[in-house]
Protein backbone atom coordinates (compact mmCIF):
# COMPACT_ATOMS: atom_id res chain seq x y z
CA MET A 1 -3.99 12.06 11.16
CA ARG A 2 -0.50 12.60 9.16
CA ILE A 3 0.96 9.53 8.12
CA ASP A 4 5.08 9.70 8.27
CA LYS A 5 6.30 10.04 4.56
CA ASP A 6 8.74 6.79 5.45
CA LEU A 7 5.65 4.66 6.26
CA VAL A 8 3.95 5.75 3.43
CA ALA A 9 6.93 4.91 0.87
CA ALA A 10 7.05 1.59 2.66
CA SER A 11 3.62 0.84 1.95
CA ALA A 12 3.09 2.23 -1.46
CA THR A 13 4.07 -0.97 -3.54
CA PRO A 14 2.21 -3.50 -1.42
CA LEU A 15 -1.01 -1.22 -1.48
CA VAL A 16 -0.93 -0.47 -5.19
CA LEU A 17 -0.25 -4.40 -6.25
CA GLY A 18 -2.67 -5.23 -3.34
CA ILE A 19 -5.56 -2.61 -4.83
CA LEU A 20 -4.66 -3.69 -8.73
CA ALA A 21 -5.17 -7.54 -7.37
CA GLU A 22 -8.83 -6.61 -7.20
CA GLY A 23 -9.03 -5.56 -10.71
CA GLU A 24 -7.65 -2.94 -13.47
CA LEU A 25 -8.09 0.55 -12.52
CA HIS A 26 -6.74 4.04 -13.60
CA GLY A 27 -4.50 6.23 -11.49
CA TYR A 28 -7.02 8.46 -10.28
CA ALA A 29 -9.13 5.55 -9.17
CA ILE A 30 -6.15 4.06 -7.48
CA ILE A 31 -5.58 7.16 -5.68
CA ARG A 32 -9.67 7.03 -4.48
CA ARG A 33 -9.42 3.50 -3.52
CA VAL A 34 -6.29 4.09 -1.12
CA GLY A 35 -8.31 7.10 0.37
CA GLU A 36 -11.35 4.73 0.79
CA LEU A 37 -9.06 1.81 2.59
CA SER A 38 -7.55 4.55 5.03
CA GLY A 39 -10.56 6.27 6.01
CA GLY A 40 -9.09 9.08 4.29
CA ASP A 41 -5.99 9.26 6.50
CA MET A 42 -3.78 8.57 3.55
CA ALA A 43 -4.27 11.21 0.70
CA TRP A 44 -1.93 10.38 -2.42
CA THR A 45 -0.94 12.76 -5.19
CA ASP A 46 -0.46 12.01 -8.58
CA GLY A 47 3.21 13.09 -8.16
CA MET A 48 3.38 10.32 -5.76
CA LEU A 49 1.54 7.57 -7.71
CA TYR A 50 2.57 7.77 -11.22
CA PRO A 51 6.57 7.02 -10.66
CA LEU A 52 5.67 4.35 -8.72
CA LEU A 53 3.55 2.87 -11.03
CA HIS A 54 6.09 3.46 -13.97
CA ARG A 55 8.52 1.94 -11.54
CA LEU A 56 6.39 -1.28 -10.93
CA GLU A 57 5.63 -1.20 -14.71
CA ARG A 58 9.31 -1.25 -15.36
CA LEU A 59 10.07 -4.17 -12.74
CA GLY A 60 7.39 -6.29 -14.80
CA TYR A 61 4.66 -5.90 -11.71
CA LEU A 62 1.99 -4.09 -13.72
CA TYR A 63 0.80 -3.75 -17.40
CA SER A 64 -0.98 -0.73 -18.75
CA SER A 65 -3.07 -0.03 -21.51
CA TRP A 66 -5.45 3.06 -22.78
CA GLY A 67 -9.20 2.78 -22.03
CA ILE A 68 -11.98 4.53 -20.81
CA SER A 69 -13.23 5.79 -17.35
CA GLU A 70 -16.50 5.41 -16.03
CA ALA A 71 -16.84 9.20 -16.82
CA GLY A 72 -16.31 8.27 -20.22
CA ARG A 73 -12.72 9.95 -20.65
CA ARG A 74 -9.39 8.26 -21.74
CA ARG A 75 -7.38 6.85 -19.29
CA LYS A 76 -4.23 4.55 -18.79
CA HIS A 77 -5.47 1.59 -16.56
CA TYR A 78 -3.05 -0.64 -14.76
CA ALA A 79 -3.36 -4.20 -14.42
CA ILE A 80 -1.33 -6.74 -12.25
CA THR A 81 0.77 -9.36 -13.82
CA GLU A 82 1.99 -12.67 -12.33
CA THR A 83 5.22 -11.38 -11.25
CA GLY A 84 3.40 -8.57 -9.36
CA ARG A 85 1.09 -11.16 -7.90
CA GLU A 86 4.38 -13.04 -6.64
CA ALA A 87 5.95 -10.10 -5.66
CA LEU A 88 2.52 -9.27 -3.62
CA SER A 89 2.61 -12.75 -1.96
CA GLN A 90 6.18 -12.12 -0.69
CA ARG A 91 5.20 -8.26 0.31
CA GLN A 92 2.90 -9.86 2.49
CA GLU A 93 4.96 -12.05 4.39
CA GLN A 94 7.17 -9.42 4.84
CA TRP A 95 4.68 -7.45 6.29
CA ASN A 96 3.08 -9.96 8.43
CA VAL A 97 6.67 -10.42 10.31
CA VAL A 98 6.81 -6.77 10.37
CA ALA A 99 3.12 -6.46 11.91
CA LYS A 100 3.71 -9.42 14.34
CA ALA A 101 6.72 -7.81 16.03
CA LEU A 102 5.19 -4.28 15.92
CA ARG A 103 2.22 -6.20 17.84
CA GLN A 104 4.71 -7.77 20.41
CA VAL A 105 6.45 -4.87 21.14
CA TRP A 106 3.25 -2.62 21.52
CA HIS A 107 1.84 -5.60 23.32
CA ALA A 108 4.87 -5.49 25.90
CA THR A 109 5.08 -1.55 26.25
CA GLN A 110 1.70 -1.68 27.44
CA ARG A 111 2.12 -4.06 30.15
CA PRO A 112 3.27 -2.18 33.57
CA SER A 113 7.09 -1.94 33.88
CA ALA A 114 8.59 -3.64 37.17
CA VAL A 115 9.36 0.10 38.47
CA GLU A 116 5.39 0.66 38.30
CA THR A 117 4.21 -2.86 40.05
CA GLY A 118 6.35 -2.22 42.92
CA TRP A 119 8.72 -5.31 41.88
CA ALA A 120 12.08 -2.99 41.11
């Protein structure tokens, strides 16, 4: 399945903040985690992730430090800050509202229309 570019962009910040709320990771591990969480339907690239990580760091939502990966390679690790946790909480509230509205619309479109039921 191909996920629309606009939907990927809209969900990127809460996904990264949520993933980093689970613990510190390097960029490639974040990309892998997105793939795992989406059942392989979302395939992020370095070119998509790193500008986002840099922006979130500038906003104070993340901090980075150099560390060693599981494979023994030197990598930059990212962790969520308290400001990032607050932003994640706000994003969760916003996405809950959007998801609720979408569920209501989609539920309404699954019911037969007045024309289909003979009421029109």
